[in-house]
Protein backbone atom coordinates (compact mmCIF):
# COMPACT_ATOMS: atom_id res chain seq x y z
CA MET A 1 0.00 0.00 0.00
CA SER A 2 1.26 3.49 -0.85
CA GLY A 3 2.64 5.41 2.15
CA ARG A 4 1.31 8.68 0.77
CA ILE A 5 -2.26 7.59 1.55
CA PHE A 6 -1.36 7.31 5.22
CA GLN A 7 0.71 10.49 5.09
CA ASN A 8 -2.30 12.53 3.93
CA VAL A 9 -4.31 11.29 6.93
CA VAL A 10 -1.44 11.87 9.35
CA LEU A 11 -1.00 15.47 8.19
CA GLN A 12 -4.72 16.14 8.67
CA LEU A 13 -4.55 14.68 12.19
CA LYS A 14 -1.53 16.85 12.96
CA GLU A 15 -3.72 19.95 12.63
CA ASN A 16 -5.81 18.79 15.60
CA THR A 17 -3.17 17.51 18.05
CA ASP A 18 0.35 18.25 19.12
CA HIS A 19 1.14 14.54 19.44
CA ILE A 20 3.51 12.91 16.96
CA ILE A 21 1.48 10.43 14.88
CA GLY A 22 2.83 7.95 12.35
CA VAL A 23 2.57 4.53 10.70
CA ILE A 24 5.05 1.65 10.52
CA ASP A 25 4.83 -1.32 8.16
CA GLY A 26 5.20 -5.01 8.95
CA GLU A 27 8.99 -4.75 8.84
CA GLY A 28 9.15 -1.89 11.31
CA SER A 29 9.85 0.91 8.82
CA VAL A 30 8.23 4.32 9.40
CA ILE A 31 6.32 4.98 6.17
CA ALA A 32 4.28 8.02 7.32
CA CYS A 33 4.72 10.50 10.16
CA SER A 34 3.66 13.98 11.25
CA GLU A 35 7.38 14.67 11.81
CA LEU A 36 8.75 14.29 8.28
CA PRO A 37 12.42 13.58 9.25
CA MET A 38 11.28 10.38 10.99
CA ILE A 39 10.00 8.84 7.75
CA GLY A 40 12.34 6.04 6.74
CA GLN A 41 13.50 5.17 10.25
CA ARG A 42 13.48 1.45 11.08
CA TRP A 43 12.16 0.05 14.35
CA PRO A 44 12.22 -3.75 13.84
CA GLU A 45 12.46 -4.32 17.61
CA TYR A 46 8.75 -3.43 17.97
CA VAL A 47 7.49 -5.85 15.31
CA PRO A 48 7.34 -8.96 17.59
CA LEU A 49 5.55 -6.96 20.30
CA ILE A 50 2.83 -5.79 17.92
CA ASN A 51 2.45 -9.25 16.37
CA GLY A 52 2.10 -10.71 19.85
CA ALA A 53 -0.79 -8.41 20.77
CA SER A 54 -4.14 -10.17 20.88
CA GLY A 55 -7.17 -8.60 19.26
CA GLY A 56 -5.25 -5.56 18.07
CA GLU A 57 -4.73 -4.24 21.60
CA ILE A 58 -2.62 -1.16 22.25
CA ILE A 59 1.08 -1.74 23.01
CA PHE A 60 3.31 0.51 25.14
CA ALA A 61 7.07 0.42 24.53
CA ASP A 62 9.92 2.91 25.05
CA GLY A 63 7.64 5.92 25.38
CA LYS A 64 5.65 4.98 22.26
CA ILE A 65 2.15 3.58 21.78
CA PHE A 66 1.35 1.18 18.91
CA LYS A 67 -1.93 -0.22 17.60
CA ALA A 68 -2.12 -2.49 14.55
CA LEU A 69 -4.42 -1.53 11.70
CA GLY A 70 -6.99 -4.05 10.51
CA GLY A 71 -5.66 -6.95 8.45
CA TRP A 72 -6.28 -10.55 7.43
CA GLY A 73 -3.25 -12.46 8.61
CA SER A 74 -1.86 -13.34 12.01
CA GLN A 75 0.90 -10.75 11.49
CA PHE A 76 0.20 -7.06 11.11
CA ASP A 77 0.77 -5.20 7.86
CA TYR A 78 0.65 -1.68 9.31
CA ALA A 79 0.40 -0.12 12.77
CA ALA A 80 -0.30 3.41 13.96
CA PHE A 81 1.93 4.95 16.63
CA THR A 82 2.08 8.01 18.85
CA PHE A 83 4.57 9.23 21.43
CA GLY A 84 3.60 9.29 25.10
CA ASP A 85 2.48 6.93 27.84
CA ASN A 86 -0.72 8.49 29.20
CA GLU A 87 -4.44 8.20 28.49
CA VAL A 88 -4.43 11.18 26.12
CA SER A 89 -1.73 9.55 23.99
CA ARG A 90 -3.66 6.29 24.09
CA THR A 91 -6.82 8.04 22.88
CA VAL A 92 -4.93 9.87 20.12
CA CYS A 93 -3.47 6.56 18.91
CA ALA A 94 -6.87 4.86 18.96
CA MET A 95 -8.51 7.70 17.02
CA ALA A 96 -5.63 7.79 14.54
CA THR A 97 -6.12 4.05 13.99
CA VAL A 98 -9.78 4.59 13.11
CA ALA A 99 -8.93 7.28 10.54
CA LEU A 100 -6.03 5.29 9.07
CA ASN A 101 -8.11 2.12 8.84
CA ALA A 102 -10.78 4.01 6.90
CA ALA A 103 -8.17 5.33 4.47
CA LYS A 104 -6.63 1.87 4.15
CA THR A 105 -9.99 0.27 3.37
CA TYR A 106 -10.83 2.90 0.77
CA TYR A 107 -7.45 2.53 -0.88
CA GLU A 108 -7.58 -1.26 -0.96
CA GLU A 109 -10.99 -1.21 -2.63
CA LYS A 110 -9.39 0.63 -5.54
CA HIS A 111 -5.81 -0.55 -5.49
CA ASP A 112 -5.85 -3.87 -3.73
CA ARG A 113 -2.85 -6.08 -4.49
CA ALA A 114 -5.07 -9.09 -5.08
CA SER A 115 -7.21 -7.17 -7.58
CA PHE A 116 -4.05 -6.08 -9.36
CA VAL A 117 -2.77 -9.65 -9.61
CA LYS A 118 -6.20 -10.81 -10.78
CA ASP A 119 -6.03 -8.20 -13.56
CA VAL A 120 -2.57 -9.47 -14.50
CA ILE A 121 -3.59 -13.14 -14.83
CA SER A 122 -6.76 -12.16 -16.70
CA ASP A 123 -4.85 -9.98 -19.19
CA ASN A 124 -6.91 -6.97 -18.11
CA ILE A 125 -3.96 -4.62 -17.73
CA MET A 126 -1.51 -3.14 -20.21
CA LEU A 127 2.07 -4.40 -20.03
CA GLY A 128 3.43 -0.94 -19.26
CA ASP A 129 0.93 -0.46 -16.44
CA ILE A 130 2.04 -3.71 -14.80
CA TYR A 131 5.40 -2.20 -13.88
CA ILE A 132 3.87 1.04 -12.59
CA ARG A 133 1.22 -0.64 -10.47
CA ALA A 134 3.62 -3.30 -9.20
CA LYS A 135 6.01 -0.63 -7.95
CA GLU A 136 3.18 1.30 -6.30
CA LEU A 137 1.78 -1.78 -4.59
CA ARG A 138 5.22 -3.15 -3.73
CA VAL A 139 4.71 -6.36 -5.69
CA ASN A 140 8.01 -7.91 -6.76
CA THR A 141 8.13 -8.41 -10.52
CA ASP A 142 11.21 -10.62 -10.91
CA ILE A 143 10.63 -13.62 -8.66
CA PRO A 144 9.56 -17.12 -9.80
CA ARG A 145 5.92 -17.92 -9.09
CA GLY A 146 3.81 -21.02 -9.52
CA VAL A 147 0.18 -20.76 -10.64
CA PHE A 148 -2.28 -23.37 -9.37
CA VAL A 149 -5.95 -23.45 -10.40
CA LEU A 150 -8.25 -25.31 -7.99
CA ARG A 151 -11.61 -26.43 -9.35
CA PRO A 152 -14.30 -28.43 -7.50
CA VAL A 153 -14.84 -31.91 -8.89
CA ARG A 154 -18.57 -31.72 -8.21
CA LYS A 155 -20.65 -28.90 -9.62
CA GLY A 156 -22.18 -26.57 -7.08
CA GLU A 157 -19.35 -27.00 -4.59
CA SER A 158 -17.18 -24.08 -3.58
CA ILE A 159 -13.60 -23.92 -2.41
CA PRO A 160 -13.10 -21.89 0.79
CA THR A 161 -10.40 -19.35 0.05
CA ASP A 162 -9.71 -18.90 3.75
CA VAL A 163 -8.62 -22.54 4.04
CA VAL A 164 -6.21 -22.15 1.13
CA GLN A 165 -4.99 -18.86 2.60
CA THR A 166 -4.29 -20.63 5.90
CA LEU A 167 -2.09 -23.12 4.06
CA PHE A 168 -0.22 -20.23 2.38
CA PRO A 169 -0.35 -17.34 4.89
CA ASP A 170 2.36 -15.15 3.35
CA ARG A 171 0.13 -12.37 1.98
CA GLN A 172 3.15 -10.36 0.91
CA ASN A 173 4.29 -12.93 -1.66
CA ASP A 174 1.37 -15.36 -2.12
CA PHE A 175 -2.08 -14.60 -3.51
CA VAL A 176 -5.30 -16.60 -3.16
CA LEU A 177 -7.96 -15.39 -5.60
CA SER A 178 -11.53 -16.36 -6.38
CA VAL A 179 -11.91 -16.40 -10.16
CA GLY A 180 -14.93 -17.24 -12.28
CA GLU A 181 -17.84 -19.26 -10.94
CA GLY A 182 -15.99 -21.71 -8.73
CA ASP A 183 -12.24 -21.61 -9.36
CA VAL A 184 -9.69 -20.56 -6.77
CA VAL A 185 -6.24 -19.54 -7.97
CA LEU A 186 -3.13 -19.78 -5.83
CA ILE A 187 -0.10 -17.80 -6.95
CA HIS A 188 2.82 -18.94 -4.83
CA GLN A 189 6.36 -17.63 -4.71
CA MET A 190 8.69 -20.49 -5.66
CA PRO A 191 12.26 -21.12 -4.51
CA GLU A 192 15.02 -20.32 -6.98
CA ASN A 193 15.67 -23.18 -9.43
CA ALA A 194 12.39 -24.88 -8.49
CA GLY A 195 11.07 -27.23 -11.12
CA LEU A 196 8.35 -29.70 -12.04
CA LYS A 197 8.80 -31.83 -8.92
CA GLU A 198 8.31 -28.87 -6.56
CA LEU A 199 5.21 -27.71 -8.44
CA ASP A 200 3.67 -31.18 -8.22
CA ARG A 201 4.52 -31.42 -4.52
CA ILE A 202 2.69 -28.18 -3.74
CA ALA A 203 -0.30 -29.12 -5.90
CA SER A 204 -0.56 -32.56 -4.27
CA SER A 205 -0.41 -31.07 -0.77
CA LEU A 206 -3.19 -28.63 -1.71
CA GLU A 207 -5.45 -31.35 -3.07
CA GLU A 208 -4.76 -33.66 -0.14
CA SER A 209 -5.28 -30.96 2.50
CA LEU A 210 -8.68 -29.95 1.12
CA ARG A 211 -9.77 -33.57 0.74
CA ILE A 212 -8.70 -34.65 4.21
CA SER A 213 -10.25 -31.61 5.88
CA GLY A 214 -13.50 -32.45 4.13
CA GLU A 215 -13.77 -28.98 2.66
CA SER A 216 -13.90 -29.93 -0.99
CA THR A 217 -12.75 -32.48 -3.54
CA VAL A 218 -10.76 -30.56 -6.11
CA VAL A 219 -8.69 -31.04 -9.20
CA VAL A 220 -5.57 -28.89 -9.35
CA GLY A 221 -4.22 -27.59 -12.65
CA VAL A 222 -0.58 -26.50 -12.67
CA GLY A 223 0.99 -24.08 -15.14
CA THR A 224 4.68 -23.61 -15.89
CA ILE A 225 6.68 -21.43 -13.52
CA ALA A 226 6.30 -17.72 -14.26
CA GLY A 227 9.71 -16.09 -13.98
CA HIS A 228 8.25 -12.59 -14.19
CA LEU A 229 4.99 -10.96 -13.20
CA ARG A 230 4.05 -10.48 -16.85
CA ASP A 231 4.24 -14.28 -17.37
CA LEU A 232 1.47 -14.98 -14.86
CA ALA A 233 -1.29 -14.73 -17.49
CA LYS A 234 0.40 -17.40 -19.61
CA ALA A 235 0.92 -19.71 -16.63
CA TYR A 236 -2.72 -19.19 -15.57
CA LYS A 237 -4.00 -20.17 -19.02
CA GLU A 238 -1.76 -23.24 -18.95
CA ALA A 239 -3.19 -24.32 -15.59
CA GLN A 240 -6.73 -23.93 -16.96
CA ILE A 241 -5.83 -25.96 -20.06
CA ALA A 242 -4.32 -28.64 -17.82
CA ILE A 243 -7.67 -29.08 -16.05
CA GLU A 244 -9.66 -29.11 -19.29
CA VAL A 245 -7.35 -31.61 -20.99
CA GLY A 246 -7.22 -33.69 -17.82
CA LYS A 247 -11.02 -33.99 -17.80
CA VAL A 248 -10.72 -35.72 -21.15
CA PHE A 249 -7.58 -37.85 -20.94
CA ASP A 250 -6.71 -38.18 -17.22
CA THR A 251 -10.08 -38.51 -15.51
CA GLU A 252 -8.64 -40.37 -12.51
CA LYS A 253 -6.01 -37.76 -11.69
CA TYR A 254 -6.57 -34.89 -9.27
CA VAL A 255 -3.30 -33.07 -9.98
CA ILE A 256 -2.59 -32.28 -13.62
CA ASN A 257 0.55 -30.48 -14.73
CA TYR A 258 0.57 -28.66 -18.05
CA GLU A 259 4.06 -29.96 -18.80
CA ASN A 260 2.85 -33.56 -18.48
CA LEU A 261 -0.09 -33.31 -20.87
CA GLY A 262 1.87 -34.72 -23.79
CA ILE A 263 0.01 -35.34 -27.01
CA GLY A 264 -3.33 -34.75 -25.30
CA ARG A 265 -2.56 -31.03 -25.28
CA LEU A 266 -2.08 -31.07 -29.05
CA ILE A 267 -5.28 -33.03 -29.72
CA TYR A 268 -7.29 -30.72 -27.46
CA GLN A 269 -6.36 -27.74 -29.62
CA LEU A 270 -7.27 -29.38 -32.95
CA PRO A 271 -10.54 -28.53 -34.75
CA THR A 272 -13.13 -31.25 -34.28
CA THR A 273 -13.66 -31.53 -38.05
CA LEU A 274 -9.98 -32.38 -38.49
CA CYS A 275 -10.25 -35.00 -35.76
CA GLU A 276 -13.25 -36.62 -37.45
CA MET A 277 -11.37 -36.75 -40.76
CA PHE A 278 -8.41 -38.38 -39.03
CA LEU A 279 -10.56 -41.16 -37.56
CA GLN A 280 -12.20 -41.80 -40.91
CA GLU A 281 -8.81 -42.11 -42.59
CA VAL A 282 -7.37 -44.40 -39.91
CA PHE A 283 -10.35 -46.73 -39.66
CA LYS A 284 -11.23 -47.24 -43.31
CA LYS A 285 -12.22 -50.87 -42.87
CA ASN A 286 -14.36 -50.56 -39.75
CA PRO A 287 -15.11 -47.65 -37.38
CA ILE A 288 -13.51 -47.71 -33.96
CA ASP A 289 -16.96 -48.32 -32.43
CA ALA A 290 -16.94 -51.76 -34.06
CA LEU A 291 -14.41 -52.91 -31.44
CA GLU A 292 -15.91 -54.69 -28.45
CA LYS A 293 -15.23 -53.57 -24.87
CA GLU A 294 -13.11 -56.65 -24.19
CA THR A 295 -11.03 -55.90 -27.27
CA LEU A 296 -10.51 -52.28 -26.22
CA PHE A 297 -9.52 -53.45 -22.74
CA THR A 298 -6.92 -55.75 -24.29
CA ILE A 299 -5.57 -52.87 -26.37
CA HIS A 300 -5.25 -50.58 -23.34
CA LYS A 301 -3.39 -53.28 -21.40
CA PHE A 302 -1.09 -53.85 -24.37
CA PHE A 303 -0.21 -50.15 -24.41
CA GLU A 304 0.22 -50.07 -20.62
CA ASN A 305 2.82 -52.82 -20.92
CA ASN A 306 4.79 -51.10 -23.69
CA LEU A 307 3.67 -53.48 -26.49
CA ASN A 308 5.18 -56.45 -24.65
CA VAL A 309 3.14 -59.51 -25.63
CA SER A 310 4.35 -61.84 -22.86
CA GLU A 311 3.92 -59.27 -20.07
CA THR A 312 0.47 -58.23 -21.31
CA ALA A 313 -0.67 -61.88 -21.49
CA ARG A 314 0.52 -62.38 -17.91
CA LYS A 315 -1.38 -59.30 -16.69
CA LEU A 316 -4.52 -60.44 -18.53
CA PHE A 317 -4.14 -64.01 -17.16
CA VAL A 318 -4.33 -65.47 -20.68
CA HIS A 319 -2.00 -67.64 -22.72
CA ARG A 320 0.43 -65.80 -24.96
CA ASN A 321 -1.11 -67.41 -28.06
CA THR A 322 -4.55 -66.17 -26.99
CA LEU A 323 -3.26 -62.61 -26.93
CA VAL A 324 -1.59 -63.06 -30.32
CA TYR A 325 -4.91 -64.30 -31.69
CA ARG A 326 -6.66 -61.20 -30.33
CA LEU A 327 -4.04 -58.91 -31.88
CA GLU A 328 -4.48 -60.65 -35.23
CA LYS A 329 -8.23 -60.14 -34.95
CA ILE A 330 -7.69 -56.41 -34.28
CA LYS A 331 -5.42 -56.25 -37.34
CA LYS A 332 -8.13 -57.78 -39.53
CA LEU A 333 -10.78 -55.39 -38.21
CA THR A 334 -8.73 -52.18 -38.38
CA GLY A 335 -5.82 -52.85 -40.69
CA LEU A 336 -3.41 -51.89 -37.89
CA ASP A 337 -0.90 -54.32 -36.37
CA LEU A 338 -0.38 -53.12 -32.81
CA ARG A 339 2.88 -55.08 -32.59
CA GLU A 340 4.33 -52.61 -35.08
CA PHE A 341 5.42 -49.37 -33.41
CA ASP A 342 4.08 -47.00 -36.09
CA ASP A 343 0.68 -48.73 -36.16
CA ALA A 344 0.56 -48.72 -32.37
CA ILE A 345 1.25 -44.97 -32.27
CA THR A 346 -1.47 -44.33 -34.84
CA PHE A 347 -3.96 -46.42 -32.89
CA LYS A 348 -3.06 -44.77 -29.57
CA VAL A 349 -3.58 -41.29 -31.04
CA ALA A 350 -6.85 -42.43 -32.63
CA LEU A 351 -8.15 -43.62 -29.25
CA MET A 352 -7.31 -40.26 -27.72
CA VAL A 353 -8.95 -38.39 -30.60
CA LYS A 354 -12.08 -40.51 -30.17
CA LYS A 355 -12.11 -39.73 -26.46
CA TYR A 356 -11.74 -36.02 -27.18
CA LEU A 357 -14.64 -36.01 -29.66
CA THR A 358 -16.84 -37.91 -27.20
CA SER A 359 -16.11 -35.28 -24.55
CA ARG A 360 -17.37 -32.68 -27.01
CA GLY A 361 -20.57 -34.66 -27.61
CA ILE A 362 -19.52 -35.73 -31.10
CA GLU A 363 -20.03 -39.36 -32.11
CA SER A 364 -17.99 -40.36 -35.12
């Protein structure tokens, strides 16, 4: 929050009292004061005392009185202060807190950090304005961030943002946003050199925490790491795509990473007419629907075992020759020999294309 908002209030209060009035931030820096030379001074020794106050009570220390302004987290963001140790000073500090809280609330309604970040991920802000607003709101632009989209599995459910915020309480560097009808977006500052494994770990802990607490069953989409604030919109879109593609090709997964989508990501972006043409060209002899459920189950198991006939037969509890017979039958029906790598790839893609069209309500 901009210190000049507080400074305007402090200067107005100065006209009505001879007490020194000011504001410190969560790091103990004086960001506004009726005595201008004091602005910029650092008092970190008072931060633990203010954080330890319950219910925003007034704190006395070294001839100063502190009272935290309203906030969301367990640690204060800003606190008003006055000099003195008597009831008049206490009253002045309390009244200053009321005025400063009102200014803070008004400012946050217009310039809230979360609203700014929401505009960034939604592409609702010009690139040049990102730098200006980020500087004003003290949002770091050059740190790696992960973007996680949480979506309820069941329609009508909602994800409590306060629960997610409790899991990631650092409001200075992490953002929990409600977006759209039911999505919650977590933007989390990542360690330097963090990669795919760290992203998946965070996403899994999110999904597990919400499921175990009984709050909501969610699927978590994960975008690539955004190295700069301007990259958040791209990472957000990737996380959304991960969920959409996952609904088609990875229905049993609750954590879906954009970087693990593979060929499903490509198929999802193809026009449905092109997909229909592809299936017609691949299955000239018989449509894919001509294959029985048992045959399709055999095919899936064959793919799961990397086209290994002996291993697949063992997993299916059938004789090797029985499986060979089934593969020959598939070859006669479709013209594709799944023991041949190129034919197997074609068939695998065709199955995914069919699944994609079905998800769109298209029967081919």
